[in-house]
Amino acid sequence: MKESASFMNSNSINYLWQVNHYPHDSIIPFKVSDGSKKQQVQSMFDKIAFRYDFMNRFLSLGIDQRWRKKALSILKPDNPQNIIDVATGTGDFAIMAHKLLHPRKVVGIDISEGMLEIGREKVMKAHLQEAIELRKEDSEAISYSENSFDAATVAFGVRNFEDLETGLLEIKRVMKPGAKLIVVESTKPGSKLVYPFYRAYMNIITPGVGKLVSKNKEAYQYLNNSVRMFPEKQEFIHILKKLGYRNAFYKTMTLGVCTIYCAEK
């Protein structure tokens, strides 16, 4: 997988003219900050990195691991050997991808060095340094050249892109033709019976626990706001198709609070 010298090559520039903005692009963690969304998201994850894995397990009651396994099972028939895990965070999805799919190489990228440091520790403990590489990179400016990866994954990360379409196009650029993109993302349940309980959980419990455990209520209030504004399910499928992905579909999980998306380059 040869790295390109610069993100701003001619193909990337050609992509950019298509890009539109969505309401979620303007959702930021810290309203009093002058930083861009990207800068704020990086700072936020650096601050909560030490409690990120615990909060994921606690707030999802451990079900998030089942969602991730279900998502990765879609890739099994393709036997991808080179996988890029975008917004890899502490590397959970990258490590699980290696264990379930046995690829030759998994590259995980993220803008938060704090999250990556924890991820690298986990990779070392699992003795997977040769198989998994975690790098600080911007999902909207990936350093790898076109057609580098057999598959791409993003678990609970596309909501954090500063520009959704730019990020999705950049991932598509580094995928090989026919490669699959797998996205796992939090979504709102469609049931009118379930939604009031979900809304209370997201508005009250999630920020409250975030403040108590990670000392950062704003980060988990941002989680709620970004989920609420994110273009989900069929709308997200429409965006993928608009950007040139094909055979796009989605599957809802656990009463609709999580959705798995799949599309091909």
C-alpha atoms as a PDB file:
ATOM      1  CA  MET A   1       0.000   0.000   0.000  1.00  0.00           C
ATOM      2  CA  LYS A   2       1.896   2.958  -1.290  1.00  0.00           C
ATOM      3  CA  GLU A   3       1.292   6.298   0.406  1.00  0.00           C
ATOM      4  CA  SER A   4       0.580   9.377  -1.663  1.00  0.00           C
ATOM      5  CA  ALA A   5       2.703  12.465  -1.150  1.00  0.00           C
ATOM      6  CA  SER A   6      -0.270  14.715  -0.530  1.00  0.00           C
ATOM      7  CA  PHE A   7      -4.019  14.507  -0.021  1.00  0.00           C
ATOM      8  CA  MET A   8      -4.677  17.356  -2.428  1.00  0.00           C
ATOM      9  CA  ASN A   9      -4.016  15.395  -5.617  1.00  0.00           C
ATOM     10  CA  SER A  10      -6.088  15.961  -8.756  1.00  0.00           C
ATOM     11  CA  ASN A  11      -8.570  13.201  -7.920  1.00  0.00           C
ATOM     12  CA  SER A  12      -9.210  14.597  -4.456  1.00  0.00           C
ATOM     13  CA  ILE A  13      -9.743  18.062  -5.903  1.00  0.00           C
ATOM     14  CA  ASN A  14     -12.237  16.650  -8.396  1.00  0.00           C
ATOM     15  CA  TYR A  15     -14.165  15.099  -5.526  1.00  0.00           C
ATOM     16  CA  LEU A  16     -14.477  18.305  -3.547  1.00  0.00           C
ATOM     17  CA  TRP A  17     -16.747  20.172  -5.936  1.00  0.00           C
ATOM     18  CA  GLN A  18     -19.560  17.698  -5.227  1.00  0.00           C
ATOM     19  CA  VAL A  19     -19.534  18.206  -1.469  1.00  0.00           C
ATOM     20  CA  ASN A  20     -22.602  19.500   0.364  1.00  0.00           C
ATOM     21  CA  HIS A  21     -22.992  20.333   4.020  1.00  0.00           C
ATOM     22  CA  TYR A  22     -25.521  18.812   6.420  1.00  0.00           C
ATOM     23  CA  PRO A  23     -26.936  20.161   9.711  1.00  0.00           C
ATOM     24  CA  HIS A  24     -24.888  17.671  11.727  1.00  0.00           C
ATOM     25  CA  ASP A  25     -21.653  19.089  10.244  1.00  0.00           C
ATOM     26  CA  SER A  26     -22.138  22.187  12.399  1.00  0.00           C
ATOM     27  CA  ILE A  27     -22.790  20.295  15.671  1.00  0.00           C
ATOM     28  CA  ILE A  28     -19.773  20.928  17.907  1.00  0.00           C
ATOM     29  CA  PRO A  29     -18.779  19.668  21.374  1.00  0.00           C
ATOM     30  CA  PHE A  30     -17.933  23.034  22.965  1.00  0.00           C
ATOM     31  CA  LYS A  31     -20.125  26.016  22.122  1.00  0.00           C
ATOM     32  CA  VAL A  32     -17.786  28.536  23.761  1.00  0.00           C
ATOM     33  CA  SER A  33     -14.748  27.404  21.770  1.00  0.00           C
ATOM     34  CA  ASP A  34     -13.419  29.232  18.709  1.00  0.00           C
ATOM     35  CA  GLY A  35     -11.954  26.015  17.291  1.00  0.00           C
ATOM     36  CA  SER A  36     -13.329  24.244  14.228  1.00  0.00           C
ATOM     37  CA  LYS A  37     -15.422  21.106  14.672  1.00  0.00           C
ATOM     38  CA  LYS A  38     -12.397  18.994  13.790  1.00  0.00           C
ATOM     39  CA  GLN A  39     -10.228  20.738  16.399  1.00  0.00           C
ATOM     40  CA  GLN A  40     -12.944  20.455  19.052  1.00  0.00           C
ATOM     41  CA  VAL A  41     -13.585  16.772  18.346  1.00  0.00           C
ATOM     42  CA  GLN A  42      -9.863  16.047  18.600  1.00  0.00           C
ATOM     43  CA  SER A  43      -9.626  17.905  21.913  1.00  0.00           C
ATOM     44  CA  MET A  44     -12.765  16.218  23.250  1.00  0.00           C
ATOM     45  CA  PHE A  45     -11.535  12.699  22.537  1.00  0.00           C
ATOM     46  CA  ASP A  46      -8.094  13.479  23.943  1.00  0.00           C
ATOM     47  CA  LYS A  47      -9.830  14.473  27.193  1.00  0.00           C
ATOM     48  CA  ILE A  48     -12.152  11.458  27.507  1.00  0.00           C
ATOM     49  CA  ALA A  49      -9.795   8.806  26.080  1.00  0.00           C
ATOM     50  CA  PHE A  50      -9.004   7.345  29.521  1.00  0.00           C
ATOM     51  CA  ARG A  51     -12.684   6.476  30.083  1.00  0.00           C
ATOM     52  CA  TYR A  52     -13.850   5.975  26.488  1.00  0.00           C
ATOM     53  CA  ASP A  53     -13.915   2.153  26.418  1.00  0.00           C
ATOM     54  CA  PHE A  54     -15.617   1.916  29.807  1.00  0.00           C
ATOM     55  CA  MET A  55     -18.271   4.452  28.796  1.00  0.00           C
ATOM     56  CA  ASN A  56     -18.984   2.575  25.556  1.00  0.00           C
ATOM     57  CA  ARG A  57     -19.557  -0.695  27.398  1.00  0.00           C
ATOM     58  CA  PHE A  58     -21.530   0.963  30.213  1.00  0.00           C
ATOM     59  CA  LEU A  59     -23.845   3.140  28.124  1.00  0.00           C
ATOM     60  CA  SER A  60     -24.605   0.386  25.605  1.00  0.00           C
ATOM     61  CA  LEU A  61     -24.856  -2.303  28.309  1.00  0.00           C
ATOM     62  CA  GLY A  62     -22.133  -4.156  26.404  1.00  0.00           C
ATOM     63  CA  ILE A  63     -24.317  -4.615  23.328  1.00  0.00           C
ATOM     64  CA  ASP A  64     -22.010  -2.476  21.180  1.00  0.00           C
ATOM     65  CA  GLN A  65     -19.646  -5.452  20.911  1.00  0.00           C
ATOM     66  CA  ARG A  66     -22.433  -7.512  19.365  1.00  0.00           C
ATOM     67  CA  TRP A  67     -23.155  -4.713  16.869  1.00  0.00           C
ATOM     68  CA  ARG A  68     -19.512  -4.592  15.829  1.00  0.00           C
ATOM     69  CA  LYS A  69     -19.300  -8.374  15.327  1.00  0.00           C
ATOM     70  CA  LYS A  70     -22.481  -8.346  13.250  1.00  0.00           C
ATOM     71  CA  ALA A  71     -21.060  -5.574  11.074  1.00  0.00           C
ATOM     72  CA  LEU A  72     -17.737  -7.348  10.497  1.00  0.00           C
ATOM     73  CA  SER A  73     -19.506 -10.596   9.588  1.00  0.00           C
ATOM     74  CA  ILE A  74     -20.651  -8.875   6.375  1.00  0.00           C
ATOM     75  CA  LEU A  75     -17.002  -8.780   5.244  1.00  0.00           C
ATOM     76  CA  LYS A  76     -16.232 -12.465   5.913  1.00  0.00           C
ATOM     77  CA  PRO A  77     -17.157 -13.783   2.435  1.00  0.00           C
ATOM     78  CA  ASP A  78     -14.812 -11.218   0.828  1.00  0.00           C
ATOM     79  CA  ASN A  79     -11.766 -12.263   2.895  1.00  0.00           C
ATOM     80  CA  PRO A  80     -10.218  -8.748   2.822  1.00  0.00           C
ATOM     81  CA  GLN A  81      -6.477  -8.733   3.418  1.00  0.00           C
ATOM     82  CA  ASN A  82      -5.863  -4.984   3.805  1.00  0.00           C
ATOM     83  CA  ILE A  83      -8.426  -3.084   5.881  1.00  0.00           C
ATOM     84  CA  ILE A  84      -8.571   0.559   6.895  1.00  0.00           C
ATOM     85  CA  ASP A  85     -10.472   1.390  10.072  1.00  0.00           C
ATOM     86  CA  VAL A  86     -11.340   5.078   9.987  1.00  0.00           C
ATOM     87  CA  ALA A  87     -11.909   6.993  13.255  1.00  0.00           C
ATOM     88  CA  THR A  88     -10.441   3.944  14.960  1.00  0.00           C
ATOM     89  CA  GLY A  89     -10.334   5.588  18.411  1.00  0.00           C
ATOM     90  CA  THR A  90      -8.804   3.149  20.880  1.00  0.00           C
ATOM     91  CA  GLY A  91      -8.601   0.451  18.226  1.00  0.00           C
ATOM     92  CA  ASP A  92     -11.453  -1.820  19.362  1.00  0.00           C
ATOM     93  CA  PHE A  93     -12.880  -2.298  15.875  1.00  0.00           C
ATOM     94  CA  ALA A  94      -9.440  -2.763  14.312  1.00  0.00           C
ATOM     95  CA  ILE A  95      -8.528  -5.450  16.864  1.00  0.00           C
ATOM     96  CA  MET A  96     -11.874  -7.200  16.448  1.00  0.00           C
ATOM     97  CA  ALA A  97     -11.499  -7.076  12.651  1.00  0.00           C
ATOM     98  CA  HIS A  98      -8.153  -8.860  12.959  1.00  0.00           C
ATOM     99  CA  LYS A  99      -9.548 -11.523  15.269  1.00  0.00           C
ATOM    100  CA  LEU A 100     -12.651 -12.247  13.184  1.00  0.00           C
ATOM    101  CA  LEU A 101     -11.387 -11.731   9.630  1.00  0.00           C
ATOM    102  CA  HIS A 102      -7.669 -12.593   9.918  1.00  0.00           C
ATOM    103  CA  PRO A 103      -6.472 -10.018   7.378  1.00  0.00           C
ATOM    104  CA  ARG A 104      -2.814  -9.484   6.594  1.00  0.00           C
ATOM    105  CA  LYS A 105      -2.945  -5.851   7.765  1.00  0.00           C
ATOM    106  CA  VAL A 106      -5.338  -3.471   9.511  1.00  0.00           C
ATOM    107  CA  VAL A 107      -4.543   0.249   9.498  1.00  0.00           C
ATOM    108  CA  GLY A 108      -6.485   2.302  12.025  1.00  0.00           C
ATOM    109  CA  ILE A 109      -6.510   6.087  11.676  1.00  0.00           C
ATOM    110  CA  ASP A 110      -7.764   8.785  14.037  1.00  0.00           C
ATOM    111  CA  ILE A 111      -7.158  12.472  14.780  1.00  0.00           C
ATOM    112  CA  SER A 112      -6.941  11.958  18.548  1.00  0.00           C
ATOM    113  CA  GLU A 113      -3.474  11.028  19.757  1.00  0.00           C
ATOM    114  CA  GLY A 114      -4.908  10.395  23.226  1.00  0.00           C
ATOM    115  CA  MET A 115      -7.204   7.681  21.878  1.00  0.00           C
ATOM    116  CA  LEU A 116      -4.461   6.203  19.716  1.00  0.00           C
ATOM    117  CA  GLU A 117      -2.052   5.921  22.649  1.00  0.00           C
ATOM    118  CA  ILE A 118      -4.546   3.715  24.484  1.00  0.00           C
ATOM    119  CA  GLY A 119      -5.181   1.742  21.309  1.00  0.00           C
ATOM    120  CA  ARG A 120      -1.475   1.108  20.773  1.00  0.00           C
ATOM    121  CA  GLU A 121      -1.190  -0.226  24.321  1.00  0.00           C
ATOM    122  CA  LYS A 122      -4.014  -2.686  23.596  1.00  0.00           C
ATOM    123  CA  VAL A 123      -2.368  -3.744  20.335  1.00  0.00           C
ATOM    124  CA  MET A 124       0.918  -4.377  22.149  1.00  0.00           C
ATOM    125  CA  LYS A 125      -0.786  -6.403  24.886  1.00  0.00           C
ATOM    126  CA  ALA A 126      -2.376  -8.558  22.188  1.00  0.00           C
ATOM    127  CA  HIS A 127       1.019  -8.893  20.410  1.00  0.00           C
ATOM    128  CA  LEU A 128      -0.499  -7.620  17.184  1.00  0.00           C
ATOM    129  CA  GLN A 129       2.022  -4.888  16.338  1.00  0.00           C
ATOM    130  CA  GLU A 130       2.875  -6.568  13.018  1.00  0.00           C
ATOM    131  CA  ALA A 131      -0.752  -6.923  11.977  1.00  0.00           C
ATOM    132  CA  ILE A 132      -2.312  -3.679  13.248  1.00  0.00           C
ATOM    133  CA  GLU A 133      -0.941  -0.180  12.782  1.00  0.00           C
ATOM    134  CA  LEU A 134      -2.608   2.814  14.430  1.00  0.00           C
ATOM    135  CA  ARG A 135      -1.765   6.198  12.902  1.00  0.00           C
ATOM    136  CA  LYS A 136      -2.731   9.793  13.574  1.00  0.00           C
ATOM    137  CA  GLU A 137      -4.469  10.926  10.405  1.00  0.00           C
ATOM    138  CA  ASP A 138      -7.409  13.025   9.291  1.00  0.00           C
ATOM    139  CA  SER A 139     -10.260  10.976   7.804  1.00  0.00           C
ATOM    140  CA  GLU A 140     -10.811  13.775   5.305  1.00  0.00           C
ATOM    141  CA  ALA A 141      -7.146  13.753   4.191  1.00  0.00           C
ATOM    142  CA  ILE A 142      -5.965  10.133   4.207  1.00  0.00           C
ATOM    143  CA  SER A 143      -2.311   9.758   3.224  1.00  0.00           C
ATOM    144  CA  TYR A 144      -2.709   6.476   1.322  1.00  0.00           C
ATOM    145  CA  SER A 145      -2.973   6.346  -2.448  1.00  0.00           C
ATOM    146  CA  GLU A 146      -6.036   5.305  -4.435  1.00  0.00           C
ATOM    147  CA  ASN A 147      -7.184   1.685  -4.448  1.00  0.00           C
ATOM    148  CA  SER A 148      -5.094   0.695  -1.409  1.00  0.00           C
ATOM    149  CA  PHE A 149      -7.593  -1.251   0.731  1.00  0.00           C
ATOM    150  CA  ASP A 150      -9.819  -4.299   0.302  1.00  0.00           C
ATOM    151  CA  ALA A 151     -12.334  -2.988   2.846  1.00  0.00           C
ATOM    152  CA  ALA A 152     -13.025   0.066   4.999  1.00  0.00           C
ATOM    153  CA  THR A 153     -14.774   0.294   8.347  1.00  0.00           C
ATOM    154  CA  VAL A 154     -16.028   3.131  10.544  1.00  0.00           C
ATOM    155  CA  ALA A 155     -17.592   2.420  13.935  1.00  0.00           C
ATOM    156  CA  PHE A 156     -19.375   5.364  15.581  1.00  0.00           C
ATOM    157  CA  GLY A 157     -17.163   7.836  13.754  1.00  0.00           C
ATOM    158  CA  VAL A 158     -18.890   9.328  10.704  1.00  0.00           C
ATOM    159  CA  ARG A 159     -20.897  11.679  12.937  1.00  0.00           C
ATOM    160  CA  ASN A 160     -17.621  13.289  13.953  1.00  0.00           C
ATOM    161  CA  PHE A 161     -16.511  14.169  10.437  1.00  0.00           C
ATOM    162  CA  GLU A 162     -16.275  17.912   9.979  1.00  0.00           C
ATOM    163  CA  ASP A 163     -17.565  17.452   6.439  1.00  0.00           C
ATOM    164  CA  LEU A 164     -19.499  14.230   5.953  1.00  0.00           C
ATOM    165  CA  GLU A 165     -19.266  13.978   2.171  1.00  0.00           C
ATOM    166  CA  THR A 166     -15.571  14.852   2.042  1.00  0.00           C
ATOM    167  CA  GLY A 167     -14.849  12.074   4.549  1.00  0.00           C
ATOM    168  CA  LEU A 168     -16.942   9.488   2.692  1.00  0.00           C
ATOM    169  CA  LEU A 169     -15.370  10.424  -0.640  1.00  0.00           C
ATOM    170  CA  GLU A 170     -11.867  10.213   0.799  1.00  0.00           C
ATOM    171  CA  ILE A 171     -12.583   6.737   2.189  1.00  0.00           C
ATOM    172  CA  LYS A 172     -13.931   5.692  -1.209  1.00  0.00           C
ATOM    173  CA  ARG A 173     -10.788   7.012  -2.881  1.00  0.00           C
ATOM    174  CA  VAL A 174      -8.490   4.674  -0.927  1.00  0.00           C
ATOM    175  CA  MET A 175     -10.748   1.627  -1.384  1.00  0.00           C
ATOM    176  CA  LYS A 176     -10.188  -0.814  -4.243  1.00  0.00           C
ATOM    177  CA  PRO A 177     -12.981  -1.207  -6.813  1.00  0.00           C
ATOM    178  CA  GLY A 178     -15.528  -3.651  -5.428  1.00  0.00           C
ATOM    179  CA  ALA A 179     -14.354  -3.153  -1.840  1.00  0.00           C
ATOM    180  CA  LYS A 180     -17.007  -2.756   0.841  1.00  0.00           C
ATOM    181  CA  LEU A 181     -17.448   0.107   3.295  1.00  0.00           C
ATOM    182  CA  ILE A 182     -18.997  -0.873   6.628  1.00  0.00           C
ATOM    183  CA  VAL A 183     -20.359   1.878   8.875  1.00  0.00           C
ATOM    184  CA  VAL A 184     -21.746   1.299  12.367  1.00  0.00           C
ATOM    185  CA  GLU A 185     -23.550   4.298  13.817  1.00  0.00           C
ATOM    186  CA  SER A 186     -25.909   5.312  16.587  1.00  0.00           C
ATOM    187  CA  THR A 187     -29.420   6.107  15.360  1.00  0.00           C
ATOM    188  CA  LYS A 188     -32.812   7.075  16.704  1.00  0.00           C
ATOM    189  CA  PRO A 189     -35.380   4.287  17.218  1.00  0.00           C
ATOM    190  CA  GLY A 190     -38.376   4.520  14.923  1.00  0.00           C
ATOM    191  CA  SER A 191     -40.917   3.112  17.396  1.00  0.00           C
ATOM    192  CA  LYS A 192     -43.148   5.739  19.006  1.00  0.00           C
ATOM    193  CA  LEU A 193     -43.279   3.550  22.110  1.00  0.00           C
ATOM    194  CA  VAL A 194     -39.499   3.251  22.443  1.00  0.00           C
ATOM    195  CA  TYR A 195     -38.497   6.774  21.444  1.00  0.00           C
ATOM    196  CA  PRO A 196     -39.595   8.614  24.663  1.00  0.00           C
ATOM    197  CA  PHE A 197     -37.451   6.273  26.777  1.00  0.00           C
ATOM    198  CA  TYR A 198     -34.539   6.613  24.356  1.00  0.00           C
ATOM    199  CA  ARG A 199     -34.825  10.417  24.409  1.00  0.00           C
ATOM    200  CA  ALA A 200     -34.799  10.501  28.207  1.00  0.00           C
ATOM    201  CA  TYR A 201     -31.788   8.194  28.282  1.00  0.00           C
ATOM    202  CA  MET A 202     -29.851  10.324  25.803  1.00  0.00           C
ATOM    203  CA  ASN A 203     -30.874  13.697  27.265  1.00  0.00           C
ATOM    204  CA  ILE A 204     -30.463  12.919  30.956  1.00  0.00           C
ATOM    205  CA  ILE A 205     -28.650   9.685  31.737  1.00  0.00           C
ATOM    206  CA  THR A 206     -25.901   9.788  29.091  1.00  0.00           C
ATOM    207  CA  PRO A 207     -24.644  13.328  29.846  1.00  0.00           C
ATOM    208  CA  GLY A 208     -25.053  12.722  33.580  1.00  0.00           C
ATOM    209  CA  VAL A 209     -22.983   9.555  33.561  1.00  0.00           C
ATOM    210  CA  GLY A 210     -20.468  11.248  31.275  1.00  0.00           C
ATOM    211  CA  LYS A 211     -20.015  14.058  33.786  1.00  0.00           C
ATOM    212  CA  LEU A 212     -19.723  11.641  36.709  1.00  0.00           C
ATOM    213  CA  VAL A 213     -17.328   9.130  35.154  1.00  0.00           C
ATOM    214  CA  SER A 214     -15.289  11.064  32.594  1.00  0.00           C
ATOM    215  CA  LYS A 215     -15.719  14.554  34.122  1.00  0.00           C
ATOM    216  CA  ASN A 216     -16.903  15.737  30.717  1.00  0.00           C
ATOM    217  CA  LYS A 217     -20.643  16.277  30.367  1.00  0.00           C
ATOM    218  CA  GLU A 218     -20.193  18.271  27.144  1.00  0.00           C
ATOM    219  CA  ALA A 219     -18.738  15.277  25.291  1.00  0.00           C
ATOM    220  CA  TYR A 220     -21.781  13.133  25.956  1.00  0.00           C
ATOM    221  CA  GLN A 221     -24.206  15.970  25.324  1.00  0.00           C
ATOM    222  CA  TYR A 222     -22.450  16.301  21.968  1.00  0.00           C
ATOM    223  CA  LEU A 223     -23.089  12.582  21.397  1.00  0.00           C
ATOM    224  CA  ASN A 224     -26.811  13.178  21.880  1.00  0.00           C
ATOM    225  CA  ASN A 225     -26.916  16.267  19.673  1.00  0.00           C
ATOM    226  CA  SER A 226     -24.894  14.717  16.857  1.00  0.00           C
ATOM    227  CA  VAL A 227     -27.052  11.571  16.790  1.00  0.00           C
ATOM    228  CA  ARG A 228     -30.191  13.707  16.737  1.00  0.00           C
ATOM    229  CA  MET A 229     -29.026  15.730  13.711  1.00  0.00           C
ATOM    230  CA  PHE A 230     -27.263  13.003  11.733  1.00  0.00           C
ATOM    231  CA  PRO A 231     -28.766  11.941   8.355  1.00  0.00           C
ATOM    232  CA  GLU A 232     -29.605   8.340   9.117  1.00  0.00           C
ATOM    233  CA  LYS A 233     -30.955   5.169   7.566  1.00  0.00           C
ATOM    234  CA  GLN A 234     -32.432   5.784   4.107  1.00  0.00           C
ATOM    235  CA  GLU A 235     -31.134   9.355   4.045  1.00  0.00           C
ATOM    236  CA  PHE A 236     -27.585   8.136   4.675  1.00  0.00           C
ATOM    237  CA  ILE A 237     -28.027   5.476   1.979  1.00  0.00           C
ATOM    238  CA  HIS A 238     -29.072   8.247  -0.412  1.00  0.00           C
ATOM    239  CA  ILE A 239     -25.850  10.157   0.390  1.00  0.00           C
ATOM    240  CA  LEU A 240     -23.716   7.060  -0.219  1.00  0.00           C
ATOM    241  CA  LYS A 241     -25.366   6.482  -3.602  1.00  0.00           C
ATOM    242  CA  LYS A 242     -24.997  10.142  -4.522  1.00  0.00           C
ATOM    243  CA  LEU A 243     -21.256   9.879  -3.862  1.00  0.00           C
ATOM    244  CA  GLY A 244     -20.897   6.916  -6.202  1.00  0.00           C
ATOM    245  CA  TYR A 245     -21.151   3.978  -3.815  1.00  0.00           C
ATOM    246  CA  ARG A 246     -23.268   1.078  -5.066  1.00  0.00           C
ATOM    247  CA  ASN A 247     -25.319  -1.781  -3.600  1.00  0.00           C
ATOM    248  CA  ALA A 248     -25.890   0.263  -0.438  1.00  0.00           C
ATOM    249  CA  PHE A 249     -28.145  -1.114   2.292  1.00  0.00           C
ATOM    250  CA  TYR A 250     -28.685  -0.813   6.022  1.00  0.00           C
ATOM    251  CA  LYS A 251     -29.784  -3.012   8.906  1.00  0.00           C
ATOM    252  CA  THR A 252     -31.112  -1.690  12.202  1.00  0.00           C
ATOM    253  CA  MET A 253     -30.060  -3.260  15.492  1.00  0.00           C
ATOM    254  CA  THR A 254     -31.578  -3.372  19.000  1.00  0.00           C
ATOM    255  CA  LEU A 255     -34.844  -1.474  18.455  1.00  0.00           C
ATOM    256  CA  GLY A 256     -33.154   0.879  16.010  1.00  0.00           C
ATOM    257  CA  VAL A 257     -30.662   2.515  18.392  1.00  0.00           C
ATOM    258  CA  CYS A 258     -27.829   1.338  16.137  1.00  0.00           C
ATOM    259  CA  THR A 259     -27.672   0.917  12.371  1.00  0.00           C
ATOM    260  CA  ILE A 260     -25.167  -0.963  10.229  1.00  0.00           C
ATOM    261  CA  TYR A 261     -24.601   0.364   6.715  1.00  0.00           C
ATOM    262  CA  CYS A 262     -22.839  -1.378   3.868  1.00  0.00           C
ATOM    263  CA  ALA A 263     -21.889  -0.072   0.419  1.00  0.00           C
ATOM    264  CA  GLU A 264     -19.394  -0.928  -2.319  1.00  0.00           C
ATOM    265  CA  LYS A 265     -16.998   1.197  -4.333  1.00  0.00           C
END
